[in-house]
Amino acid sequence: MQGQKMILQNSVIDKFRAIAGPEFVLTDYEDRYCYAYDATAIGEELYLPDAVILPENKGQISEILKIANENSIPVVTRGAGTNLVGACIPLKGGIVLHTSRINRILDIDKNNLLCTVEPGVVVEKLQQEVEKQGLFYPPDPASLKVSTVGGSIAQSSGGPRGFKYGTTRDYVLGLEIMLADGTIVKTGGKTVKNVTGYNLTQLLVGSEGTLGIITEATLRLIPLPEQRQVLLACFKEIDQAVNAVTGIISAKITPSTLDIMDKNTMQTIEKFHKTGLPTDMDAVLVLEVDGFKESVQVQTEQIINICRELGAKNIRASQNRQETDEIWFARRSAFGAVARLRPNVLTEDAVVPRDKIPDMVREIRRIADKYSLTVCIMGHIGDGNIHPNFSLDLRNEDEARRFEKAAAELFESALELGGTLSGEHGIGYFKSPFMLKALGRRNIELMKSIKNIFDPNGILNPDKVFERI
């Protein structure tokens, strides 16, 4: 079903043009079409915004929001649109506020180990710039080459390094946001310790643009590790891989990355790009160790010994930067490879306690077989975060219905195993119906009360997170 949309009056459009400039207010059908979608596969549905606005600065955002709030115009903020839960689809039309032009790194403070950036800064660019000064911004979503800091904060993005370093949430010290009425609010600050009042900063991280629009962020940095070492450990059975992870953690070793890929994922990657992955194995662990050179060497040897003792059939350690990049290319190309199998790929994001991962993998495979769906499993096994990638054709109504049933069962299984709906992708539009089961009615009521305080007219990213309950 196509989303219900309002038609903006020409007089309102003219006001937006006067604020942002005529060339930065897009109203032609062809210009708006791509903003009806994000990276989420949504079939044939079309949710078209009435206008797309690309402001240049926070002052323009404030003026745009004042007009939108006064006229009850829905506002969906968008960075690179790489999210996988329909978080920036304009379900009710209105305007898409694109932050790509607000993209400056304002300050890198080596003495205090922090930086201040605008929301349109690309994550990889930020990493590269701070590394030039011997510093490190660890969060690394799979889409880091294009995803923006604002988007990663809004979705509380994670990535492979989450096991050791945490996710985006752990690096946000302070925010400047624009409320729905155009008011500027600053939360947190430039200190690592801060317990002055409620932690509004962390409330806003992961709020998916439903409470305010990020216009500036102060982020924590750490010293850049001296050395990195990447390993591939191959196992005949996925249970052996999980046992190896438990063995590594029990030995008090903390790799920066502890990821897993199953046989279907490896076979799919190798089908489209030869990277040397072992397609005859049921699972492979992708591990990265970083730190001081001597420490990396010791930890690498310990990990190799543990994996061998617990059933690894082959272990490959990178010998140089090129081999490290090749292994990471294989890992990061998984989504793209699966996407080439069929017209659509839907990536889920369930989290379970680490010792329940074998159970969750078996459930995913059972559910895929039950509904005759192709699934490739990967994820951040170190923190229990599993990503089943379903390859399908959403134009096929029967297949689309089968996926809907499969997704519902998958979430039920994750909850029954003591897990939850999302570890790093967020809730957006597509997981909203499952929120009541995950959190309970009282929690949802509290969230709706908070939403109403920040955005009483409900214009900010409507129908997301819990609105479909």
Protein backbone atom coordinates (compact mmCIF):
# COMPACT_ATOMS: atom_id res chain seq x y z
CA MET A 1 0.00 0.00 0.00
CA GLN A 2 1.30 3.43 -0.91
CA GLY A 3 1.88 5.77 2.03
CA GLN A 4 -0.64 8.54 2.63
CA LYS A 5 0.95 11.81 1.59
CA MET A 6 0.06 15.43 1.97
CA ILE A 7 0.53 17.95 -0.83
CA LEU A 8 2.59 20.96 0.17
CA GLN A 9 1.20 24.29 -0.89
CA ASN A 10 3.28 26.31 -3.33
CA SER A 11 3.52 29.12 -0.79
CA VAL A 12 5.21 26.73 1.68
CA ILE A 13 7.57 25.43 -1.00
CA ASP A 14 8.49 29.01 -1.82
CA LYS A 15 9.39 29.63 1.83
CA PHE A 16 11.69 26.61 1.82
CA ARG A 17 13.33 27.83 -1.40
CA ALA A 18 13.93 31.23 0.14
CA ILE A 19 15.70 29.55 3.08
CA ALA A 20 17.83 26.89 1.36
CA GLY A 21 18.04 28.24 -2.17
CA PRO A 22 15.87 27.11 -5.13
CA GLU A 23 18.43 24.56 -6.36
CA PHE A 24 18.43 22.81 -2.99
CA VAL A 25 14.68 22.23 -2.76
CA LEU A 26 13.85 19.29 -5.01
CA THR A 27 10.23 18.91 -6.13
CA ASP A 28 10.44 17.20 -9.54
CA TYR A 29 9.21 13.61 -9.53
CA GLU A 30 12.52 12.23 -10.81
CA ASP A 31 14.48 14.04 -8.09
CA ARG A 32 12.19 12.87 -5.30
CA TYR A 33 11.85 9.27 -6.45
CA CYS A 34 15.11 7.94 -5.00
CA TYR A 35 14.26 9.47 -1.62
CA ALA A 36 11.17 7.27 -1.39
CA TYR A 37 13.58 4.44 -0.53
CA ASP A 38 16.56 3.72 1.67
CA ALA A 39 18.77 0.61 1.66
CA THR A 40 15.86 -1.48 2.93
CA ALA A 41 14.14 -3.69 0.39
CA ILE A 42 10.44 -2.75 0.48
CA GLY A 43 8.98 -4.35 -2.63
CA GLU A 44 6.68 -2.36 -4.87
CA GLU A 45 5.53 0.19 -2.26
CA LEU A 46 6.30 3.82 -3.04
CA TYR A 47 6.42 6.45 -0.30
CA LEU A 48 7.21 9.65 -2.14
CA PRO A 49 8.21 12.83 -0.25
CA ASP A 50 6.61 16.08 -1.35
CA ALA A 51 9.97 17.83 -1.32
CA VAL A 52 13.63 17.09 -0.58
CA ILE A 53 15.59 19.90 1.06
CA LEU A 54 19.38 20.05 1.34
CA PRO A 55 20.19 22.74 3.94
CA GLU A 56 23.67 24.23 4.22
CA ASN A 57 23.77 24.96 7.95
CA LYS A 58 21.93 24.61 11.25
CA GLY A 59 20.30 28.03 10.88
CA GLN A 60 18.53 26.84 7.75
CA ILE A 61 17.42 23.64 9.52
CA SER A 62 15.94 25.72 12.32
CA GLU A 63 13.95 27.90 9.92
CA ILE A 64 12.72 24.88 7.95
CA LEU A 65 11.57 23.13 11.12
CA LYS A 66 9.68 26.18 12.35
CA ILE A 67 7.64 26.20 9.15
CA ALA A 68 7.15 22.43 9.18
CA ASN A 69 6.01 22.44 12.81
CA GLU A 70 3.59 25.31 12.30
CA ASN A 71 2.04 23.51 9.31
CA SER A 72 2.22 19.93 10.72
CA ILE A 73 4.47 18.82 7.85
CA PRO A 74 6.24 15.46 8.41
CA VAL A 75 10.05 15.74 8.44
CA VAL A 76 12.32 12.76 7.79
CA THR A 77 16.03 13.42 8.28
CA ARG A 78 18.36 11.50 5.98
CA GLY A 79 22.10 10.96 5.76
CA ALA A 80 23.32 8.36 3.27
CA GLY A 81 20.17 6.22 3.57
CA THR A 82 22.14 3.03 4.32
CA ASN A 83 19.91 1.81 7.15
CA LEU A 84 18.16 -1.55 6.76
CA VAL A 85 14.92 -1.07 8.70
CA GLY A 86 13.08 1.58 6.69
CA ALA A 87 14.14 4.29 9.14
CA CYS A 88 14.26 7.13 6.61
CA ILE A 89 11.39 6.21 4.32
CA PRO A 90 8.91 9.15 4.22
CA LEU A 91 5.81 7.14 5.08
CA LYS A 92 3.59 10.21 5.28
CA GLY A 93 5.15 12.30 2.55
CA GLY A 94 6.18 15.74 3.75
CA ILE A 95 9.84 16.69 3.44
CA VAL A 96 13.08 14.75 3.48
CA LEU A 97 15.79 16.83 5.15
CA HIS A 98 19.09 15.71 3.63
CA THR A 99 22.18 16.62 5.71
CA SER A 100 24.86 15.80 3.12
CA ARG A 101 25.93 19.47 2.77
CA ILE A 102 26.48 19.88 6.52
CA ASN A 103 29.65 17.84 6.52
CA ARG A 104 32.56 19.58 8.24
CA ILE A 105 34.98 18.14 10.76
CA LEU A 106 34.99 21.16 13.05
CA ASP A 107 37.76 20.17 15.44
CA ILE A 108 40.11 17.30 16.31
CA ASP A 109 41.37 17.82 19.85
CA LYS A 110 44.47 15.64 20.45
CA ASN A 111 44.95 16.80 24.02
CA ASN A 112 41.45 15.83 25.15
CA LEU A 113 41.02 12.89 22.75
CA LEU A 114 37.83 14.10 21.12
CA CYS A 115 36.50 15.61 17.94
CA THR A 116 33.51 17.74 16.97
CA VAL A 117 31.80 17.07 13.65
CA GLU A 118 28.70 17.90 11.66
CA PRO A 119 26.18 15.16 10.82
CA GLY A 120 27.03 14.77 7.14
CA VAL A 121 30.64 13.68 7.75
CA VAL A 122 31.24 10.21 6.29
CA VAL A 123 32.43 7.74 8.95
CA GLU A 124 35.41 6.48 6.93
CA LYS A 125 36.57 10.05 6.25
CA LEU A 126 36.46 10.79 9.98
CA GLN A 127 38.48 7.68 10.72
CA GLN A 128 41.08 8.61 8.13
CA GLU A 129 41.44 12.18 9.39
CA VAL A 130 41.87 11.25 13.06
CA GLU A 131 44.30 8.44 12.18
CA LYS A 132 46.57 11.03 10.53
CA GLN A 133 47.04 12.38 14.05
CA GLY A 134 47.62 9.00 15.65
CA LEU A 135 44.06 8.72 16.97
CA PHE A 136 41.30 6.17 16.49
CA TYR A 137 37.51 6.30 16.08
CA PRO A 138 36.57 2.61 16.43
CA PRO A 139 32.88 2.38 15.34
CA ASP A 140 32.85 0.74 11.91
CA PRO A 141 29.44 0.03 10.40
CA ALA A 142 29.63 -2.14 7.28
CA SER A 143 28.60 0.85 5.18
CA LEU A 144 31.30 3.14 6.65
CA LYS A 145 32.54 4.21 3.20
CA VAL A 146 29.27 6.08 2.65
CA SER A 147 27.36 6.15 5.95
CA THR A 148 27.39 9.40 7.89
CA VAL A 149 28.12 10.21 11.51
CA GLY A 150 24.63 11.67 11.97
CA GLY A 151 22.99 8.54 10.62
CA SER A 152 25.19 6.22 12.66
CA ILE A 153 24.30 8.14 15.83
CA ALA A 154 20.60 8.18 14.97
CA GLN A 155 20.64 4.39 14.48
CA SER A 156 23.27 3.70 17.18
CA SER A 157 25.27 1.76 14.61
CA GLY A 158 27.67 -1.00 15.54
CA GLY A 159 30.08 -3.05 13.45
CA PRO A 160 32.70 -5.78 13.80
CA ARG A 161 34.80 -3.92 16.38
CA GLY A 162 31.92 -3.76 18.85
CA PHE A 163 33.18 -6.71 20.90
CA LYS A 164 36.27 -4.89 22.15
CA TYR A 165 35.49 -1.23 21.60
CA GLY A 166 31.72 -0.96 21.85
CA THR A 167 29.43 0.75 19.34
CA THR A 168 28.70 4.32 18.28
CA ARG A 169 26.77 4.88 21.51
CA ASP A 170 29.98 4.49 23.53
CA TYR A 171 31.75 7.36 21.71
CA VAL A 172 29.14 10.13 21.80
CA LEU A 173 30.00 12.66 24.52
CA GLY A 174 27.70 15.47 23.49
CA LEU A 175 25.15 16.50 20.89
CA GLU A 176 23.65 19.62 19.48
CA ILE A 177 20.16 18.89 18.23
CA MET A 178 17.27 20.78 16.71
CA LEU A 179 13.90 20.12 18.26
CA ALA A 180 10.75 19.92 16.17
CA ASP A 181 9.99 23.61 16.72
CA GLY A 182 13.45 24.70 15.54
CA THR A 183 14.86 25.21 19.04
CA ILE A 184 18.55 24.34 19.51
CA VAL A 185 19.40 22.12 22.48
CA LYS A 186 22.87 21.01 23.58
CA THR A 187 23.35 17.84 25.61
CA GLY A 188 26.42 16.36 27.25
CA GLY A 189 29.69 18.15 26.61
CA LYS A 190 33.43 17.71 26.13
CA THR A 191 34.16 15.75 29.28
CA VAL A 192 34.35 11.98 29.53
CA LYS A 193 32.64 12.03 32.93
CA ASN A 194 29.31 13.81 33.15
CA VAL A 195 26.45 12.93 35.49
CA THR A 196 24.85 16.35 35.57
CA GLY A 197 21.15 15.58 35.29
CA TYR A 198 19.46 13.04 33.04
CA ASN A 199 21.60 11.60 30.26
CA LEU A 200 19.76 13.17 27.34
CA THR A 201 22.68 12.46 25.02
CA GLN A 202 22.23 8.71 25.30
CA LEU A 203 18.47 9.07 25.02
CA LEU A 204 18.98 10.73 21.64
CA VAL A 205 21.50 8.15 20.40
CA GLY A 206 19.48 5.49 18.61
CA SER A 207 16.27 7.57 18.57
CA GLU A 208 16.19 7.39 14.75
CA GLY A 209 15.34 11.04 14.16
CA THR A 210 12.08 10.83 16.11
CA LEU A 211 13.13 13.21 18.92
CA GLY A 212 15.36 15.75 17.24
CA ILE A 213 17.75 16.40 14.37
CA ILE A 214 21.47 16.13 15.06
CA THR A 215 23.35 19.22 13.89
CA GLU A 216 26.66 18.65 15.71
CA ALA A 217 28.32 15.83 17.65
CA THR A 218 31.26 15.65 20.05
CA LEU A 219 32.87 12.22 19.86
CA ARG A 220 35.41 10.43 22.03
CA LEU A 221 38.64 9.24 20.42
CA ILE A 222 41.31 6.82 21.62
CA PRO A 223 44.99 6.30 20.70
CA LEU A 224 45.52 4.42 17.43
CA PRO A 225 46.67 0.81 18.03
CA GLU A 226 50.25 0.15 16.97
CA GLN A 227 49.53 -3.03 15.02
CA ARG A 228 46.67 -5.14 13.65
CA GLN A 229 46.57 -8.85 12.86
CA VAL A 230 43.66 -10.57 11.08
CA LEU A 231 42.96 -14.30 11.20
CA LEU A 232 40.55 -16.71 9.52
CA ALA A 233 39.77 -19.88 11.49
CA CYS A 234 37.77 -22.54 9.63
CA PHE A 235 35.48 -25.11 11.26
CA LYS A 236 33.51 -28.12 10.01
CA GLU A 237 30.68 -27.39 12.45
CA ILE A 238 29.35 -24.04 13.62
CA ASP A 239 29.18 -25.34 17.21
CA GLN A 240 32.97 -25.73 17.12
CA ALA A 241 33.34 -22.10 16.08
CA VAL A 242 31.15 -20.98 18.99
CA ASN A 243 33.16 -23.13 21.39
CA ALA A 244 36.35 -21.53 20.08
CA VAL A 245 34.92 -18.07 20.77
CA THR A 246 34.09 -19.15 24.31
CA GLY A 247 37.62 -20.53 24.69
CA ILE A 248 39.19 -17.28 23.50
CA ILE A 249 37.12 -15.18 25.87
CA SER A 250 37.72 -17.56 28.78
CA ALA A 251 41.45 -17.18 28.17
CA LYS A 252 40.97 -13.43 28.84
CA ILE A 253 41.82 -12.50 25.26
CA THR A 254 39.85 -9.62 23.78
CA PRO A 255 40.13 -9.44 19.99
CA SER A 256 38.91 -6.24 18.40
CA THR A 257 36.78 -8.36 16.08
CA LEU A 258 35.08 -11.74 16.55
CA ASP A 259 32.87 -12.32 13.51
CA ILE A 260 31.38 -15.41 11.89
CA MET A 261 30.25 -16.40 8.39
CA ASP A 262 28.42 -19.61 7.50
CA LYS A 263 28.90 -21.88 4.50
CA ASN A 264 26.16 -20.26 2.40
CA THR A 265 27.71 -16.83 2.92
CA MET A 266 31.19 -18.00 1.95
CA GLN A 267 29.93 -19.86 -1.11
CA THR A 268 28.00 -16.79 -2.23
CA ILE A 269 30.99 -14.47 -1.81
CA GLU A 270 33.26 -16.88 -3.72
CA LYS A 271 30.70 -17.19 -6.51
CA PHE A 272 31.04 -13.53 -7.38
CA HIS A 273 34.56 -12.66 -6.19
CA LYS A 274 37.32 -15.16 -5.47
CA THR A 275 38.81 -14.37 -2.08
CA GLY A 276 40.00 -17.80 -0.97
CA LEU A 277 37.26 -18.49 1.57
CA PRO A 278 36.84 -22.19 2.51
CA THR A 279 33.51 -23.07 0.91
CA ASP A 280 33.58 -26.65 2.23
CA MET A 281 33.49 -25.49 5.87
CA ASP A 282 30.31 -24.88 7.86
CA ALA A 283 31.67 -21.73 9.50
CA VAL A 284 34.66 -19.43 9.58
CA LEU A 285 35.68 -17.01 12.31
CA VAL A 286 37.09 -13.64 11.27
CA LEU A 287 39.26 -12.35 14.11
CA GLU A 288 41.29 -9.20 14.44
CA VAL A 289 43.76 -8.51 17.22
CA ASP A 290 45.21 -5.06 17.75
CA GLY A 291 47.40 -3.20 20.22
CA PHE A 292 51.14 -3.04 20.90
CA LYS A 293 53.21 -5.20 18.57
CA GLU A 294 54.41 -7.63 21.26
CA SER A 295 50.90 -8.03 22.67
CA VAL A 296 49.44 -8.71 19.22
CA GLN A 297 51.99 -11.45 18.60
CA VAL A 298 51.26 -13.16 21.92
CA GLN A 299 47.48 -12.95 21.52
CA THR A 300 47.65 -14.22 17.93
CA GLU A 301 49.60 -17.31 19.02
CA GLN A 302 47.16 -17.95 21.86
CA ILE A 303 44.15 -17.67 19.55
CA ILE A 304 45.69 -20.03 16.99
CA ASN A 305 46.37 -22.62 19.69
CA ILE A 306 42.86 -22.36 21.14
CA CYS A 307 41.20 -22.65 17.73
CA ARG A 308 43.29 -25.70 16.85
CA GLU A 309 42.48 -27.38 20.15
CA LEU A 310 38.77 -26.78 19.59
CA GLY A 311 38.55 -28.15 16.07
CA ALA A 312 39.78 -25.55 13.58
CA LYS A 313 40.76 -27.32 10.35
CA ASN A 314 42.72 -24.43 8.93
CA ILE A 315 43.88 -21.06 10.22
CA ARG A 316 45.04 -18.25 8.00
CA ALA A 317 46.84 -15.22 9.44
CA SER A 318 47.43 -12.09 7.40
CA GLN A 319 51.10 -11.41 6.75
CA ASN A 320 50.85 -7.86 5.48
CA ARG A 321 48.44 -4.97 4.88
CA GLN A 322 47.36 -6.39 1.51
CA GLU A 323 46.29 -9.72 3.04
CA THR A 324 44.54 -7.89 5.87
CA ASP A 325 42.61 -5.82 3.36
CA GLU A 326 41.73 -8.94 1.33
CA ILE A 327 40.24 -10.68 4.35
CA TRP A 328 38.27 -7.62 5.32
CA PHE A 329 37.11 -7.17 1.75
CA ALA A 330 35.69 -10.69 1.84
CA ARG A 331 33.93 -10.02 5.13
CA ARG A 332 32.49 -6.67 4.09
CA SER A 333 31.38 -7.89 0.65
CA ALA A 334 28.97 -10.44 2.10
CA PHE A 335 25.89 -8.24 1.82
CA GLY A 336 26.72 -7.17 -1.73
CA ALA A 337 27.34 -10.76 -2.80
CA VAL A 338 24.03 -11.96 -1.37
CA ALA A 339 22.29 -9.04 -3.07
CA ARG A 340 23.41 -10.41 -6.44
CA LEU A 341 21.57 -13.71 -5.97
CA ARG A 342 18.05 -12.31 -6.27
CA PRO A 343 16.44 -8.88 -6.81
CA ASN A 344 16.16 -8.21 -3.05
CA VAL A 345 18.10 -8.99 0.10
CA LEU A 346 16.63 -8.44 3.56
CA THR A 347 19.12 -8.38 6.41
CA GLU A 348 17.84 -9.03 9.90
CA ASP A 349 19.64 -8.13 13.09
CA ALA A 350 18.77 -10.40 16.00
CA VAL A 351 20.80 -10.56 19.21
CA VAL A 352 20.99 -13.47 21.64
CA PRO A 353 23.29 -14.39 24.55
CA ARG A 354 26.54 -15.65 23.08
CA ASP A 355 26.06 -19.23 24.25
CA LYS A 356 22.71 -19.34 22.44
CA ILE A 357 24.20 -18.62 19.01
CA PRO A 358 24.21 -22.29 17.89
CA ASP A 359 20.53 -22.50 18.87
CA MET A 360 19.76 -19.28 17.00
CA VAL A 361 21.61 -20.47 13.89
CA ARG A 362 19.66 -23.72 13.94
CA GLU A 363 16.42 -21.76 14.30
CA ILE A 364 17.31 -19.50 11.38
CA ARG A 365 18.07 -22.48 9.17
CA ARG A 366 14.90 -24.28 10.27
CA ILE A 367 12.77 -21.22 9.55
CA ALA A 368 14.40 -20.69 6.14
CA ASP A 369 13.75 -24.33 5.20
CA LYS A 370 10.17 -24.14 6.49
CA TYR A 371 9.37 -21.18 4.23
CA SER A 372 11.62 -22.24 1.31
CA LEU A 373 13.86 -19.18 1.57
CA THR A 374 17.55 -18.74 0.82
CA VAL A 375 19.50 -17.46 3.82
CA CYS A 376 23.17 -16.62 4.37
CA ILE A 377 24.20 -16.17 8.01
CA MET A 378 26.90 -13.88 9.30
CA GLY A 379 27.35 -11.69 12.33
CA HIS A 380 29.33 -10.43 15.27
CA ILE A 381 29.52 -13.61 17.30
CA GLY A 382 31.59 -11.97 20.02
CA ASP A 383 28.55 -10.00 21.18
CA GLY A 384 25.81 -12.40 20.08
CA ASN A 385 24.68 -10.30 17.10
CA ILE A 386 23.54 -12.45 14.15
CA HIS A 387 22.67 -11.16 10.67
CA PRO A 388 20.66 -13.60 8.54
CA ASN A 389 20.61 -12.27 4.96
CA PHE A 390 17.51 -13.48 3.11
CA SER A 391 17.76 -13.39 -0.67
CA LEU A 392 14.38 -13.19 -2.42
CA ASP A 393 12.18 -11.46 -4.96
CA LEU A 394 9.62 -9.20 -3.29
CA ARG A 395 7.71 -8.88 -6.56
CA ASN A 396 6.62 -12.45 -5.94
CA GLU A 397 3.69 -11.97 -3.56
CA ASP A 398 3.83 -15.52 -2.25
CA GLU A 399 7.55 -15.25 -1.50
CA ALA A 400 7.04 -11.86 0.18
CA ARG A 401 4.33 -13.34 2.43
CA ARG A 402 6.57 -16.28 3.29
CA PHE A 403 9.32 -13.89 4.31
CA GLU A 404 6.96 -11.91 6.56
CA LYS A 405 6.04 -15.12 8.37
CA ALA A 406 9.69 -16.17 8.57
CA ALA A 407 10.76 -12.80 10.02
CA ALA A 408 8.06 -12.98 12.68
CA GLU A 409 9.22 -16.47 13.70
CA LEU A 410 12.84 -15.35 13.70
CA PHE A 411 12.11 -12.51 16.13
CA GLU A 412 10.03 -14.83 18.30
CA SER A 413 12.96 -17.25 18.46
CA ALA A 414 15.41 -14.51 19.41
CA LEU A 415 13.15 -13.32 22.22
CA GLU A 416 12.56 -16.85 23.50
CA LEU A 417 16.33 -17.40 23.64
CA GLY A 418 16.72 -14.35 25.87
CA GLY A 419 17.67 -11.97 23.07
CA THR A 420 16.15 -8.91 21.46
CA LEU A 421 15.13 -7.44 18.10
CA SER A 422 18.19 -5.42 17.16
CA GLY A 423 21.79 -4.93 18.15
CA GLU A 424 22.83 -2.22 15.70
CA HIS A 425 20.36 -1.68 12.85
CA GLY A 426 17.56 -0.14 14.90
CA ILE A 427 13.80 -0.59 14.63
CA GLY A 428 12.60 1.87 12.00
CA TYR A 429 9.37 0.94 10.26
CA PHE A 430 9.75 -2.78 9.71
CA LYS A 431 10.43 -3.97 13.24
CA SER A 432 7.93 -1.67 14.89
CA PRO A 433 5.12 -4.26 15.09
CA PHE A 434 7.33 -6.51 17.25
CA MET A 435 8.20 -3.87 19.84
CA LEU A 436 5.29 -4.64 22.15
CA LYS A 437 6.34 -8.26 22.46
CA ALA A 438 9.96 -7.26 23.03
CA LEU A 439 9.45 -4.49 25.60
CA GLY A 440 5.94 -4.67 27.04
CA ARG A 441 3.17 -2.08 26.99
CA ARG A 442 4.41 0.06 29.88
CA ASN A 443 7.80 0.63 28.26
CA ILE A 444 6.09 1.61 25.02
CA GLU A 445 3.84 4.05 26.88
CA LEU A 446 6.90 5.67 28.48
CA MET A 447 8.59 6.00 25.09
CA LYS A 448 5.50 7.59 23.57
CA SER A 449 5.38 10.07 26.46
CA ILE A 450 9.00 11.05 25.81
CA LYS A 451 8.27 11.43 22.10
CA ASN A 452 5.36 13.72 22.89
CA ILE A 453 7.56 15.99 25.05
CA PHE A 454 10.22 16.39 22.34
CA ASP A 455 7.83 16.48 19.38
CA PRO A 456 4.25 17.31 20.47
CA ASN A 457 2.94 17.63 16.91
CA GLY A 458 4.51 14.33 15.85
CA ILE A 459 6.24 15.68 12.75
CA LEU A 460 9.67 14.05 13.25
CA ASN A 461 10.00 10.75 11.39
CA PRO A 462 6.40 9.68 12.01
CA ASP A 463 5.29 6.02 12.14
CA LYS A 464 8.73 4.77 13.18
CA VAL A 465 10.03 2.71 16.14
CA PHE A 466 6.78 2.15 18.06
CA GLU A 467 4.09 4.00 16.12
CA ARG A 468 2.69 0.87 14.41
CA ILE A 469 1.71 -0.69 17.75
